[in-house]
C-alpha atoms as a PDB file:
ATOM      1  CA  MET A   1      22.596  -4.346 -34.720  1.00  0.00           C
ATOM      2  CA  LYS A   2      23.161  -3.098 -31.182  1.00  0.00           C
ATOM      3  CA  LYS A   3      20.823  -2.024 -28.583  1.00  0.00           C
ATOM      4  CA  LYS A   4      20.273   1.603 -27.543  1.00  0.00           C
ATOM      5  CA  LYS A   5      21.422   2.425 -24.081  1.00  0.00           C
ATOM      6  CA  MET A   6      18.273   4.184 -22.909  1.00  0.00           C
ATOM      7  CA  GLY A   7      15.176   2.252 -22.090  1.00  0.00           C
ATOM      8  CA  HIS A   8      11.986   3.152 -23.807  1.00  0.00           C
ATOM      9  CA  TYR A   9       8.527   3.110 -22.176  1.00  0.00           C
ATOM     10  CA  SER A  10       6.551  -0.011 -23.298  1.00  0.00           C
ATOM     11  CA  GLY A  11       3.464   0.344 -21.313  1.00  0.00           C
ATOM     12  CA  ILE A  12       3.461  -3.143 -19.892  1.00  0.00           C
ATOM     13  CA  GLY A  13       3.824  -3.818 -16.212  1.00  0.00           C
ATOM     14  CA  GLY A  14       3.252  -6.735 -13.919  1.00  0.00           C
ATOM     15  CA  GLN A  15       3.926  -8.596 -10.540  1.00  0.00           C
ATOM     16  CA  ALA A  16       5.101 -11.813  -9.250  1.00  0.00           C
ATOM     17  CA  VAL A  17       2.492 -14.519  -8.145  1.00  0.00           C
ATOM     18  CA  LEU A  18       2.945 -18.002  -6.741  1.00  0.00           C
ATOM     19  CA  GLU A  19       5.237 -19.794  -8.980  1.00  0.00           C
ATOM     20  CA  GLY A  20       4.496 -17.490 -11.791  1.00  0.00           C
ATOM     21  CA  VAL A  21       4.365 -13.863 -13.375  1.00  0.00           C
ATOM     22  CA  MET A  22       1.431 -11.634 -14.085  1.00  0.00           C
ATOM     23  CA  MET A  23       1.856  -9.126 -16.990  1.00  0.00           C
ATOM     24  CA  ARG A  24      -0.698  -6.549 -17.913  1.00  0.00           C
ATOM     25  CA  ASN A  25      -0.893  -4.406 -21.010  1.00  0.00           C
ATOM     26  CA  LYS A  26      -3.817  -1.901 -21.352  1.00  0.00           C
ATOM     27  CA  ASP A  27      -6.977  -3.962 -20.969  1.00  0.00           C
ATOM     28  CA  LEU A  28      -5.434  -7.352 -21.027  1.00  0.00           C
ATOM     29  CA  PHE A  29      -3.472  -9.171 -18.357  1.00  0.00           C
ATOM     30  CA  ALA A  30      -2.001 -12.636 -18.461  1.00  0.00           C
ATOM     31  CA  VAL A  31      -0.880 -14.981 -15.724  1.00  0.00           C
ATOM     32  CA  ALA A  32       1.666 -17.612 -16.539  1.00  0.00           C
ATOM     33  CA  VAL A  33       2.322 -20.200 -13.862  1.00  0.00           C
ATOM     34  CA  ARG A  34       4.693 -23.185 -13.748  1.00  0.00           C
ATOM     35  CA  THR A  35       2.459 -26.113 -12.740  1.00  0.00           C
ATOM     36  CA  PRO A  36       3.519 -28.882 -10.350  1.00  0.00           C
ATOM     37  CA  GLN A  37       3.965 -31.075 -13.521  1.00  0.00           C
ATOM     38  CA  GLY A  38       6.569 -28.687 -15.022  1.00  0.00           C
ATOM     39  CA  ARG A  39       4.243 -27.169 -17.798  1.00  0.00           C
ATOM     40  CA  ILE A  40       3.592 -23.556 -18.070  1.00  0.00           C
ATOM     41  CA  GLN A  41      -0.043 -22.689 -17.844  1.00  0.00           C
ATOM     42  CA  THR A  42      -1.105 -19.366 -19.234  1.00  0.00           C
ATOM     43  CA  GLU A  43      -4.445 -17.563 -18.600  1.00  0.00           C
ATOM     44  CA  VAL A  44      -5.338 -14.269 -20.559  1.00  0.00           C
ATOM     45  CA  GLU A  45      -8.286 -12.166 -19.363  1.00  0.00           C
ATOM     46  CA  GLU A  46      -9.566  -8.800 -20.261  1.00  0.00           C
ATOM     47  CA  TYR A  47     -10.189  -6.299 -17.614  1.00  0.00           C
ATOM     48  CA  HIS A  48     -11.969  -3.065 -17.871  1.00  0.00           C
ATOM     49  CA  SER A  49     -12.192  -0.586 -15.020  1.00  0.00           C
ATOM     50  CA  MET A  50     -15.599   0.922 -14.091  1.00  0.00           C
ATOM     51  CA  PHE A  51     -14.086   4.208 -14.972  1.00  0.00           C
ATOM     52  CA  SER A  52     -12.812   3.147 -18.449  1.00  0.00           C
ATOM     53  CA  GLY A  53     -13.024   6.075 -20.672  1.00  0.00           C
ATOM     54  CA  SER A  54     -13.894   8.471 -18.031  1.00  0.00           C
ATOM     55  CA  LYS A  55     -12.171  11.834 -17.977  1.00  0.00           C
ATOM     56  CA  LEU A  56     -11.231  11.127 -14.368  1.00  0.00           C
ATOM     57  CA  LEU A  57      -8.416   8.933 -15.671  1.00  0.00           C
ATOM     58  CA  ARG A  58      -6.836  11.843 -17.231  1.00  0.00           C
ATOM     59  CA  ILE A  59      -6.773  14.102 -14.150  1.00  0.00           C
ATOM     60  CA  PRO A  60      -3.380  14.201 -12.485  1.00  0.00           C
ATOM     61  CA  PHE A  61      -3.444  13.024  -8.908  1.00  0.00           C
ATOM     62  CA  VAL A  62      -6.944  11.749  -9.293  1.00  0.00           C
ATOM     63  CA  ARG A  63      -6.176   8.957 -11.857  1.00  0.00           C
ATOM     64  CA  GLY A  64      -3.593   7.392  -9.717  1.00  0.00           C
ATOM     65  CA  ILE A  65      -6.391   6.514  -7.200  1.00  0.00           C
ATOM     66  CA  PHE A  66      -8.253   4.415  -9.760  1.00  0.00           C
ATOM     67  CA  VAL A  67      -5.015   2.979 -11.154  1.00  0.00           C
ATOM     68  CA  PHE A  68      -4.212   1.744  -7.538  1.00  0.00           C
ATOM     69  CA  ILE A  69      -7.646   0.151  -7.081  1.00  0.00           C
ATOM     70  CA  ASP A  70      -7.474  -1.612 -10.552  1.00  0.00           C
ATOM     71  CA  SER A  71      -4.010  -2.842  -9.557  1.00  0.00           C
ATOM     72  CA  LEU A  72      -5.273  -4.365  -6.378  1.00  0.00           C
ATOM     73  CA  ILE A  73      -8.048  -6.009  -8.120  1.00  0.00           C
ATOM     74  CA  ILE A  74      -5.989  -7.485 -10.856  1.00  0.00           C
ATOM     75  CA  GLY A  75      -3.254  -8.461  -8.523  1.00  0.00           C
ATOM     76  CA  THR A  76      -5.785 -10.386  -6.322  1.00  0.00           C
ATOM     77  CA  LYS A  77      -7.131 -12.093  -9.282  1.00  0.00           C
ATOM     78  CA  ALA A  78      -3.735 -13.222 -10.394  1.00  0.00           C
ATOM     79  CA  LEU A  79      -2.766 -14.449  -7.017  1.00  0.00           C
ATOM     80  CA  ASN A  80      -5.901 -16.477  -6.579  1.00  0.00           C
ATOM     81  CA  TYR A  81      -5.418 -17.940 -10.071  1.00  0.00           C
ATOM     82  CA  SER A  82      -1.709 -18.985  -9.340  1.00  0.00           C
ATOM     83  CA  ALA A  83      -2.839 -20.191  -5.861  1.00  0.00           C
ATOM     84  CA  ASP A  84      -5.117 -22.861  -7.376  1.00  0.00           C
ATOM     85  CA  PHE A  85      -1.940 -24.510  -8.951  1.00  0.00           C
ATOM     86  CA  VAL A  86      -0.117 -24.484  -5.730  1.00  0.00           C
ATOM     87  CA  ASP A  87      -3.103 -26.005  -3.819  1.00  0.00           C
ATOM     88  CA  GLU A  88      -2.897 -28.907  -6.295  1.00  0.00           C
ATOM     89  CA  LYS A  89       0.277 -30.199  -4.490  1.00  0.00           C
ATOM     90  CA  GLU A  90      -1.124 -29.960  -0.971  1.00  0.00           C
ATOM     91  CA  ASP A  91      -3.347 -32.570   0.579  1.00  0.00           C
ATOM     92  CA  ARG A  92      -6.593 -31.418   1.983  1.00  0.00           C
ATOM     93  CA  THR A  93      -6.579 -31.429   5.788  1.00  0.00           C
ATOM     94  CA  ASP A  94      -9.414 -32.128   8.095  1.00  0.00           C
ATOM     95  CA  VAL A  95      -9.903 -28.493   8.812  1.00  0.00           C
ATOM     96  CA  ASP A  96     -10.494 -27.986   4.981  1.00  0.00           C
ATOM     97  CA  LYS A  97     -13.009 -30.698   4.922  1.00  0.00           C
ATOM     98  CA  ALA A  98     -14.794 -29.572   7.943  1.00  0.00           C
ATOM     99  CA  VAL A  99     -15.222 -25.957   6.615  1.00  0.00           C
ATOM    100  CA  ASP A 100     -16.271 -27.402   3.371  1.00  0.00           C
ATOM    101  CA  SER A 101     -19.100 -29.412   4.974  1.00  0.00           C
ATOM    102  CA  VAL A 102     -20.320 -26.165   6.728  1.00  0.00           C
ATOM    103  CA  THR A 103     -19.955 -23.717   3.713  1.00  0.00           C
ATOM    104  CA  ASP A 104     -21.212 -26.156   1.001  1.00  0.00           C
ATOM    105  CA  GLY A 105     -17.777 -26.636  -0.434  1.00  0.00           C
ATOM    106  CA  ASN A 106     -16.709 -22.978  -0.238  1.00  0.00           C
ATOM    107  CA  SER A 107     -13.678 -23.521   2.066  1.00  0.00           C
ATOM    108  CA  GLU A 108     -11.331 -21.710  -0.410  1.00  0.00           C
ATOM    109  CA  LYS A 109     -13.488 -18.672  -0.450  1.00  0.00           C
ATOM    110  CA  VAL A 110     -13.791 -18.605   3.363  1.00  0.00           C
ATOM    111  CA  PHE A 111     -10.049 -18.962   3.949  1.00  0.00           C
ATOM    112  CA  SER A 112      -9.404 -16.323   1.225  1.00  0.00           C
ATOM    113  CA  PHE A 113     -11.690 -13.913   2.900  1.00  0.00           C
ATOM    114  CA  LEU A 114     -10.190 -14.673   6.418  1.00  0.00           C
ATOM    115  CA  THR A 115      -6.605 -14.219   4.918  1.00  0.00           C
ATOM    116  CA  THR A 116      -7.534 -10.801   3.454  1.00  0.00           C
ATOM    117  CA  LEU A 117      -9.216  -9.651   6.658  1.00  0.00           C
ATOM    118  CA  ILE A 118      -6.154 -10.727   8.970  1.00  0.00           C
ATOM    119  CA  SER A 119      -3.868  -9.228   6.435  1.00  0.00           C
ATOM    120  CA  VAL A 120      -5.668  -5.779   6.482  1.00  0.00           C
ATOM    121  CA  LEU A 121      -5.839  -5.905  10.412  1.00  0.00           C
ATOM    122  CA  LEU A 122      -2.167  -6.662  10.459  1.00  0.00           C
ATOM    123  CA  ALA A 123      -1.248  -3.898   8.046  1.00  0.00           C
ATOM    124  CA  VAL A 124      -3.299  -1.221   9.802  1.00  0.00           C
ATOM    125  CA  GLY A 125      -1.804  -2.471  13.130  1.00  0.00           C
ATOM    126  CA  LEU A 126       1.857  -2.807  11.942  1.00  0.00           C
ATOM    127  CA  PHE A 127       2.052   0.341   9.671  1.00  0.00           C
ATOM    128  CA  MET A 128      -0.455   2.858  11.154  1.00  0.00           C
ATOM    129  CA  VAL A 129      -1.159   2.154  14.780  1.00  0.00           C
ATOM    130  CA  LEU A 130       2.094   0.895  15.912  1.00  0.00           C
ATOM    131  CA  PRO A 131       4.146   3.922  14.276  1.00  0.00           C
ATOM    132  CA  GLU A 132       1.666   6.444  15.523  1.00  0.00           C
ATOM    133  CA  ARG A 133       1.657   5.131  18.991  1.00  0.00           C
ATOM    134  CA  LEU A 134       5.620   5.150  19.098  1.00  0.00           C
ATOM    135  CA  ALA A 135       5.891   8.548  17.656  1.00  0.00           C
ATOM    136  CA  HIS A 136       3.237   9.908  20.036  1.00  0.00           C
ATOM    137  CA  TRP A 137       5.275   8.590  22.861  1.00  0.00           C
ATOM    138  CA  MET A 138       8.311  10.187  21.649  1.00  0.00           C
ATOM    139  CA  ASN A 139       6.457  13.491  21.254  1.00  0.00           C
ATOM    140  CA  ARG A 140       6.994  14.286  25.071  1.00  0.00           C
ATOM    141  CA  TYR A 141      10.581  14.609  24.081  1.00  0.00           C
ATOM    142  CA  LEU A 142      10.051  16.260  20.487  1.00  0.00           C
ATOM    143  CA  GLN A 143       7.470  18.649  21.495  1.00  0.00           C
ATOM    144  CA  SER A 144       6.547  19.223  17.763  1.00  0.00           C
ATOM    145  CA  HIS A 145       3.729  17.855  15.456  1.00  0.00           C
ATOM    146  CA  ALA A 146       6.093  18.222  12.518  1.00  0.00           C
ATOM    147  CA  LEU A 147       8.803  16.211  14.182  1.00  0.00           C
ATOM    148  CA  GLN A 148       6.427  13.585  15.376  1.00  0.00           C
ATOM    149  CA  ALA A 149       5.188  13.191  11.783  1.00  0.00           C
ATOM    150  CA  ILE A 150       8.694  12.732  10.690  1.00  0.00           C
ATOM    151  CA  ALA A 151       9.531  10.355  13.429  1.00  0.00           C
ATOM    152  CA  GLU A 152       6.186   8.260  12.656  1.00  0.00           C
ATOM    153  CA  GLY A 153       7.257   8.241   8.966  1.00  0.00           C
ATOM    154  CA  ILE A 154      10.858   6.870   9.883  1.00  0.00           C
ATOM    155  CA  ILE A 155       9.355   4.223  12.237  1.00  0.00           C
ATOM    156  CA  ARG A 156       6.900   3.136   9.654  1.00  0.00           C
ATOM    157  CA  ILE A 157       9.825   2.781   6.967  1.00  0.00           C
ATOM    158  CA  ALA A 158      12.015   0.828   9.492  1.00  0.00           C
ATOM    159  CA  ILE A 159       9.074  -1.408  10.230  1.00  0.00           C
ATOM    160  CA  PHE A 160       8.581  -1.954   6.494  1.00  0.00           C
ATOM    161  CA  LEU A 161      12.227  -2.767   5.864  1.00  0.00           C
ATOM    162  CA  ALA A 162      12.373  -5.157   8.958  1.00  0.00           C
ATOM    163  CA  TYR A 163       9.298  -6.881   7.562  1.00  0.00           C
ATOM    164  CA  ILE A 164      10.861  -7.360   4.022  1.00  0.00           C
ATOM    165  CA  ILE A 165      14.119  -8.561   5.547  1.00  0.00           C
ATOM    166  CA  ALA A 166      12.300 -11.153   7.707  1.00  0.00           C
ATOM    167  CA  ILE A 167       9.943 -12.591   5.072  1.00  0.00           C
ATOM    168  CA  SER A 168      12.878 -12.725   2.537  1.00  0.00           C
ATOM    169  CA  ASN A 169      14.197 -15.592   4.434  1.00  0.00           C
ATOM    170  CA  ILE A 170      11.106 -17.748   4.047  1.00  0.00           C
ATOM    171  CA  PRO A 171      11.679 -20.172   1.087  1.00  0.00           C
ATOM    172  CA  ASP A 172       8.336 -19.566  -0.682  1.00  0.00           C
ATOM    173  CA  ILE A 173       8.744 -15.691  -0.316  1.00  0.00           C
ATOM    174  CA  LYS A 174      12.303 -16.058  -1.726  1.00  0.00           C
ATOM    175  CA  ARG A 175      10.973 -17.831  -4.743  1.00  0.00           C
ATOM    176  CA  LEU A 176       8.263 -15.149  -5.211  1.00  0.00           C
ATOM    177  CA  PHE A 177      11.070 -12.479  -5.203  1.00  0.00           C
ATOM    178  CA  MET A 178      12.849 -14.637  -7.913  1.00  0.00           C
ATOM    179  CA  TYR A 179       9.766 -14.437  -9.979  1.00  0.00           C
ATOM    180  CA  HIS A 180       9.567 -10.695  -9.300  1.00  0.00           C
ATOM    181  CA  GLY A 181      13.178 -10.447 -10.652  1.00  0.00           C
ATOM    182  CA  ALA A 182      11.967 -12.456 -13.715  1.00  0.00           C
ATOM    183  CA  GLU A 183       9.244 -10.052 -14.312  1.00  0.00           C
ATOM    184  CA  HIS A 184      11.511  -6.932 -14.076  1.00  0.00           C
ATOM    185  CA  LYS A 185      14.145  -8.518 -16.289  1.00  0.00           C
ATOM    186  CA  CYS A 186      11.726  -9.356 -19.136  1.00  0.00           C
ATOM    187  CA  ILE A 187      10.518  -5.641 -19.123  1.00  0.00           C
ATOM    188  CA  SER A 188      13.973  -4.277 -18.939  1.00  0.00           C
ATOM    189  CA  CYS A 189      15.064  -6.719 -21.819  1.00  0.00           C
ATOM    190  CA  ILE A 190      12.211  -5.473 -24.148  1.00  0.00           C
ATOM    191  CA  GLU A 191      12.665  -1.803 -23.266  1.00  0.00           C
ATOM    192  CA  SER A 192      16.432  -1.984 -23.945  1.00  0.00           C
ATOM    193  CA  GLY A 193      15.898  -3.163 -27.473  1.00  0.00           C
ATOM    194  CA  LEU A 194      17.053  -6.820 -26.994  1.00  0.00           C
ATOM    195  CA  PRO A 195      14.986  -9.907 -28.325  1.00  0.00           C
ATOM    196  CA  LEU A 196      12.983 -11.518 -25.637  1.00  0.00           C
ATOM    197  CA  THR A 197      15.099 -14.691 -25.298  1.00  0.00           C
ATOM    198  CA  VAL A 198      16.194 -16.470 -22.127  1.00  0.00           C
ATOM    199  CA  SER A 199      19.902 -15.554 -22.630  1.00  0.00           C
ATOM    200  CA  ASN A 200      19.106 -11.824 -23.182  1.00  0.00           C
ATOM    201  CA  VAL A 201      16.700 -11.703 -20.172  1.00  0.00           C
ATOM    202  CA  LYS A 202      19.405 -13.273 -18.038  1.00  0.00           C
ATOM    203  CA  LYS A 203      21.743 -10.324 -19.186  1.00  0.00           C
ATOM    204  CA  SER A 204      19.110  -7.677 -18.270  1.00  0.00           C
ATOM    205  CA  THR A 205      18.823  -5.605 -15.011  1.00  0.00           C
ATOM    206  CA  ARG A 206      16.336  -6.881 -12.308  1.00  0.00           C
ATOM    207  CA  PHE A 207      15.900  -3.262 -11.178  1.00  0.00           C
ATOM    208  CA  HIS A 208      13.097  -1.021 -12.658  1.00  0.00           C
ATOM    209  CA  LYS A 209      11.881   2.547 -11.821  1.00  0.00           C
ATOM    210  CA  ARG A 210       8.220   1.611 -12.037  1.00  0.00           C
ATOM    211  CA  CYS A 211       8.238  -1.187  -9.522  1.00  0.00           C
ATOM    212  CA  GLY A 212       5.487  -1.522  -6.912  1.00  0.00           C
ATOM    213  CA  THR A 213       8.254  -1.595  -4.412  1.00  0.00           C
ATOM    214  CA  SER A 214       9.282   1.888  -5.454  1.00  0.00           C
ATOM    215  CA  PHE A 215       5.605   2.842  -5.433  1.00  0.00           C
ATOM    216  CA  ILE A 216       5.297   1.825  -1.850  1.00  0.00           C
ATOM    217  CA  LEU A 217       8.541   3.547  -0.776  1.00  0.00           C
ATOM    218  CA  PHE A 218       6.936   6.797  -2.465  1.00  0.00           C
ATOM    219  CA  VAL A 219       3.745   6.095  -0.442  1.00  0.00           C
ATOM    220  CA  LEU A 220       5.730   6.163   2.747  1.00  0.00           C
ATOM    221  CA  ILE A 221       7.510   9.128   2.097  1.00  0.00           C
ATOM    222  CA  VAL A 222       4.698  11.205   0.833  1.00  0.00           C
ATOM    223  CA  SER A 223       2.577  10.215   3.854  1.00  0.00           C
ATOM    224  CA  ILE A 224       5.353  11.951   6.104  1.00  0.00           C
ATOM    225  CA  VAL A 225       4.921  15.160   4.414  1.00  0.00           C
ATOM    226  CA  LEU A 226       0.980  14.968   4.157  1.00  0.00           C
ATOM    227  CA  PHE A 227       0.547  13.931   7.879  1.00  0.00           C
ATOM    228  CA  MET A 228       2.485  17.036   8.872  1.00  0.00           C
ATOM    229  CA  PHE A 229      -0.623  18.908   7.955  1.00  0.00           C
ATOM    230  CA  VAL A 230      -3.181  16.758   9.696  1.00  0.00           C
ATOM    231  CA  HIS A 231      -3.342  17.213  13.473  1.00  0.00           C
ATOM    232  CA  THR A 232      -5.876  16.194  16.002  1.00  0.00           C
ATOM    233  CA  ASP A 233      -5.729  15.333  19.698  1.00  0.00           C
ATOM    234  CA  SER A 234      -7.893  12.063  19.338  1.00  0.00           C
ATOM    235  CA  PHE A 235      -5.938   8.923  18.649  1.00  0.00           C
ATOM    236  CA  LEU A 236      -9.011   7.265  16.974  1.00  0.00           C
ATOM    237  CA  ILE A 237      -9.394  10.267  14.449  1.00  0.00           C
ATOM    238  CA  ARG A 238      -5.761  10.212  13.674  1.00  0.00           C
ATOM    239  CA  ILE A 239      -5.912   6.615  12.646  1.00  0.00           C
ATOM    240  CA  VAL A 240      -9.083   7.313  10.629  1.00  0.00           C
ATOM    241  CA  TYR A 241      -7.356  10.152   8.867  1.00  0.00           C
ATOM    242  CA  ARG A 242      -4.447   7.894   7.889  1.00  0.00           C
ATOM    243  CA  ILE A 243      -6.925   5.378   6.405  1.00  0.00           C
ATOM    244  CA  VAL A 244      -8.898   7.925   4.673  1.00  0.00           C
ATOM    245  CA  LEU A 245      -5.999   9.733   3.108  1.00  0.00           C
ATOM    246  CA  ILE A 246      -4.628   6.540   1.503  1.00  0.00           C
ATOM    247  CA  PRO A 247      -6.284   7.409  -1.773  1.00  0.00           C
ATOM    248  CA  VAL A 248      -4.799  10.837  -1.754  1.00  0.00           C
ATOM    249  CA  VAL A 249      -1.282   9.523  -0.960  1.00  0.00           C
ATOM    250  CA  SER A 250      -1.528   6.805  -3.656  1.00  0.00           C
ATOM    251  CA  GLY A 251      -2.587   9.540  -6.154  1.00  0.00           C
ATOM    252  CA  ILE A 252       0.405  11.701  -5.400  1.00  0.00           C
ATOM    253  CA  SER A 253       2.673   8.679  -5.300  1.00  0.00           C
ATOM    254  CA  TYR A 254       1.400   7.578  -8.590  1.00  0.00           C
ATOM    255  CA  GLU A 255       2.318  10.770 -10.307  1.00  0.00           C
ATOM    256  CA  LEU A 256       5.874  10.707  -8.908  1.00  0.00           C
ATOM    257  CA  ILE A 257       6.512   7.176 -10.056  1.00  0.00           C
ATOM    258  CA  ARG A 258       4.911   7.711 -13.345  1.00  0.00           C
ATOM    259  CA  ALA A 259       7.106  10.676 -14.140  1.00  0.00           C
ATOM    260  CA  ALA A 260      10.156   8.936 -12.707  1.00  0.00           C
ATOM    261  CA  GLY A 261       9.431   6.016 -14.973  1.00  0.00           C
ATOM    262  CA  ARG A 262       9.302   8.229 -18.155  1.00  0.00           C
ATOM    263  CA  ASN A 263      11.885  10.941 -17.295  1.00  0.00           C
ATOM    264  CA  GLU A 264      15.558  10.495 -17.362  1.00  0.00           C
ATOM    265  CA  SER A 265      16.607  13.946 -15.765  1.00  0.00           C
ATOM    266  CA  ALA A 266      18.929  13.976 -12.847  1.00  0.00           C
ATOM    267  CA  VAL A 267      16.154  15.094 -10.403  1.00  0.00           C
ATOM    268  CA  PHE A 268      14.049  11.976 -11.398  1.00  0.00           C
ATOM    269  CA  ARG A 269      17.021   9.668 -11.310  1.00  0.00           C
ATOM    270  CA  MET A 270      17.771  10.724  -7.804  1.00  0.00           C
ATOM    271  CA  LEU A 271      14.097  10.295  -6.725  1.00  0.00           C
ATOM    272  CA  SER A 272      14.174   6.731  -8.154  1.00  0.00           C
ATOM    273  CA  LEU A 273      17.387   5.612  -6.262  1.00  0.00           C
ATOM    274  CA  PRO A 274      15.798   4.680  -2.972  1.00  0.00           C
ATOM    275  CA  GLY A 275      13.331   2.570  -4.675  1.00  0.00           C
ATOM    276  CA  LEU A 276      15.927   0.832  -6.811  1.00  0.00           C
ATOM    277  CA  TRP A 277      18.051   0.156  -3.664  1.00  0.00           C
ATOM    278  CA  LEU A 278      15.024  -1.323  -1.934  1.00  0.00           C
ATOM    279  CA  GLN A 279      14.489  -3.649  -4.867  1.00  0.00           C
ATOM    280  CA  ARG A 280      17.746  -5.365  -3.963  1.00  0.00           C
ATOM    281  CA  LEU A 281      15.550  -6.942  -1.082  1.00  0.00           C
ATOM    282  CA  THR A 282      12.374  -7.546  -3.085  1.00  0.00           C
ATOM    283  CA  THR A 283      13.908  -9.067  -6.331  1.00  0.00           C
ATOM    284  CA  LYS A 284      16.186 -11.813  -6.670  1.00  0.00           C
ATOM    285  CA  GLU A 285      17.911 -13.421  -9.700  1.00  0.00           C
ATOM    286  CA  PRO A 286      15.633 -16.023 -11.342  1.00  0.00           C
ATOM    287  CA  ASP A 287      16.624 -19.230 -12.836  1.00  0.00           C
ATOM    288  CA  GLU A 288      16.004 -20.060 -16.424  1.00  0.00           C
ATOM    289  CA  SER A 289      12.793 -21.935 -15.883  1.00  0.00           C
ATOM    290  CA  MET A 290      11.356 -18.675 -14.029  1.00  0.00           C
ATOM    291  CA  ILE A 291      12.533 -16.564 -17.004  1.00  0.00           C
ATOM    292  CA  GLU A 292      10.622 -18.824 -19.370  1.00  0.00           C
ATOM    293  CA  VAL A 293       7.428 -18.173 -17.354  1.00  0.00           C
ATOM    294  CA  GLY A 294       7.910 -14.424 -17.508  1.00  0.00           C
ATOM    295  CA  ILE A 295       8.381 -14.692 -21.291  1.00  0.00           C
ATOM    296  CA  ALA A 296       5.303 -16.660 -21.696  1.00  0.00           C
ATOM    297  CA  SER A 297       3.387 -13.991 -19.713  1.00  0.00           C
ATOM    298  CA  VAL A 298       4.750 -11.134 -21.844  1.00  0.00           C
ATOM    299  CA  GLU A 299       4.033 -12.779 -25.080  1.00  0.00           C
ATOM    300  CA  ALA A 300       0.388 -13.674 -24.311  1.00  0.00           C
ATOM    301  CA  ILE A 301      -0.472  -9.925 -24.236  1.00  0.00           C
ATOM    302  CA  PHE A 302       2.359  -8.029 -25.873  1.00  0.00           C
ATOM    303  CA  ASP A 303       3.698  -7.927 -29.426  1.00  0.00           C
ATOM    304  CA  TRP A 304       7.271  -7.031 -28.420  1.00  0.00           C
ATOM    305  CA  LYS A 305       8.726  -7.580 -31.981  1.00  0.00           C
ATOM    306  CA  THR A 306       6.291  -4.858 -33.390  1.00  0.00           C
ATOM    307  CA  TYR A 307       7.021  -2.636 -30.468  1.00  0.00           C
ATOM    308  CA  GLN A 308      10.836  -2.968 -31.005  1.00  0.00           C
ATOM    309  CA  LYS A 309      10.560  -2.491 -34.701  1.00  0.00           C
ATOM    310  CA  ASP A 310       8.598   0.757 -34.080  1.00  0.00           C
ATOM    311  CA  ILE A 311      10.914   2.102 -31.426  1.00  0.00           C
ATOM    312  CA  PHE A 312      14.335   0.733 -32.389  1.00  0.00           C
ATOM    313  CA  GLY A 313      13.783   0.115 -36.182  1.00  0.00           C
ATOM    314  CA  TYR A 314      14.469  -3.765 -35.915  1.00  0.00           C
ATOM    315  CA  ASP A 315      13.128  -5.868 -38.811  1.00  0.00           C
ATOM    316  CA  TYR A 316      13.267  -9.346 -37.407  1.00  0.00           C
ATOM    317  CA  MET A 317      12.183 -10.749 -40.731  1.00  0.00           C
ATOM    318  CA  ALA A 318      15.260  -9.360 -42.287  1.00  0.00           C
ATOM    319  CA  LEU A 319      17.549 -11.073 -39.592  1.00  0.00           C
ATOM    320  CA  ASP A 320      19.035 -14.460 -39.949  1.00  0.00           C
ATOM    321  CA  SER A 321      18.663 -15.056 -36.029  1.00  0.00           C
ATOM    322  CA  GLU A 322      17.216 -13.094 -33.123  1.00  0.00           C
ATOM    323  CA  ASP A 323      20.637 -13.356 -31.721  1.00  0.00           C
ATOM    324  CA  ASP A 324      21.812 -10.960 -34.227  1.00  0.00           C
ATOM    325  CA  VAL A 325      20.614  -8.068 -31.947  1.00  0.00           C
ATOM    326  CA  GLU A 326      22.955  -8.359 -28.982  1.00  0.00           C
ATOM    327  CA  ALA A 327      23.760  -6.456 -25.766  1.00  0.00           C
ATOM    328  CA  GLU A 328      26.834  -4.307 -25.909  1.00  0.00           C
END
C-alpha cells in the first residue's frame, strides 16, 4: 500500500517548546517534554476560547484575530509547562532566593512577568520603532509615503531575518528549532498517509505551509500594504497605529495562510514559497529522541489511524505490520 502524494489537511497544529513539542487538535492540546531523566512526560489539557461557539469565529478576517489570541495563550501555557522541567536542571541562585523571600515564593511568576514585559518592549522597539525611524529618515530622499511604507517593511523583514540568523547559533535555540522540525515532520508524515513511526517521520519533510514562521512572514508583508493607507505626521500616533492594527493584520494574514494550507493551486503555492524558504532557518532536522517526543504529543490528542483510514482507506487491523505502508 503506497502513500498518496498530495497531503490532506488533518486539522492539527503545534509548536516547539523547551525540550519538547506541543500539539493541538480542536479543544485539546498536549505538551510532550523530554525530562532531564530521559523520560517523555506528556500533559493534556482542554482549552475553550471565550468565543467558543460564537458566530464571530466563522466570519472571515475576524476569526483570525481570535485564533491568534488563542494561539498566544496556549503557546504561553505550553512554554511555561516545558520550562518547569528545564528549571529542574538548574540550581537556584541567590537572586532567586532573594526574590522568593520578597514575593512569598513567587519568583517564577515575577521573572516570567518581567521576561514577557522585556520581550514586548524589545519587539516594539526592534520591529516597530526602529524600522519606522529608519524609513522616516530615508523619506527625505524617497519623498513618498508609499515608498516609505515599503522601505519600512523591507527594513522590518531584514531585521527579522537578522534576528533569526543570530539566535539560531545559540545552542538552546538550535535545539528548539530541531523540535520545531520534529513537530512539522510528524504532521507531514500523517498528512502524507504514512504510519506515525520514527522511521517514517524521519523521511517526511520538515517544511509545512501552515507554519507559524510563514504566518509571521505574511504579517510582515500584509503590514507593508496596510501601512501605505495610514499616514500621520505624528511619530507617536504612527507607532500607536501600528500596535492597534496588529489584530487587523493578523486577521488578514490568517486568511491567507489558511487558504494556502488547504489549496494546491499555483497561486497559493507561490504565496507559500517565501515562508517555506524561511523555515530553512527556523526548523532543523531532529534526532530520533526528538521525533519520539513529537509522536507522543500527537498521539495524546489525535487518532491518526482513524484519520488515515477515513482519508486514505488504510485498515491497519488488516495489515501484518504498519511498515506495509511505505513511502514511495
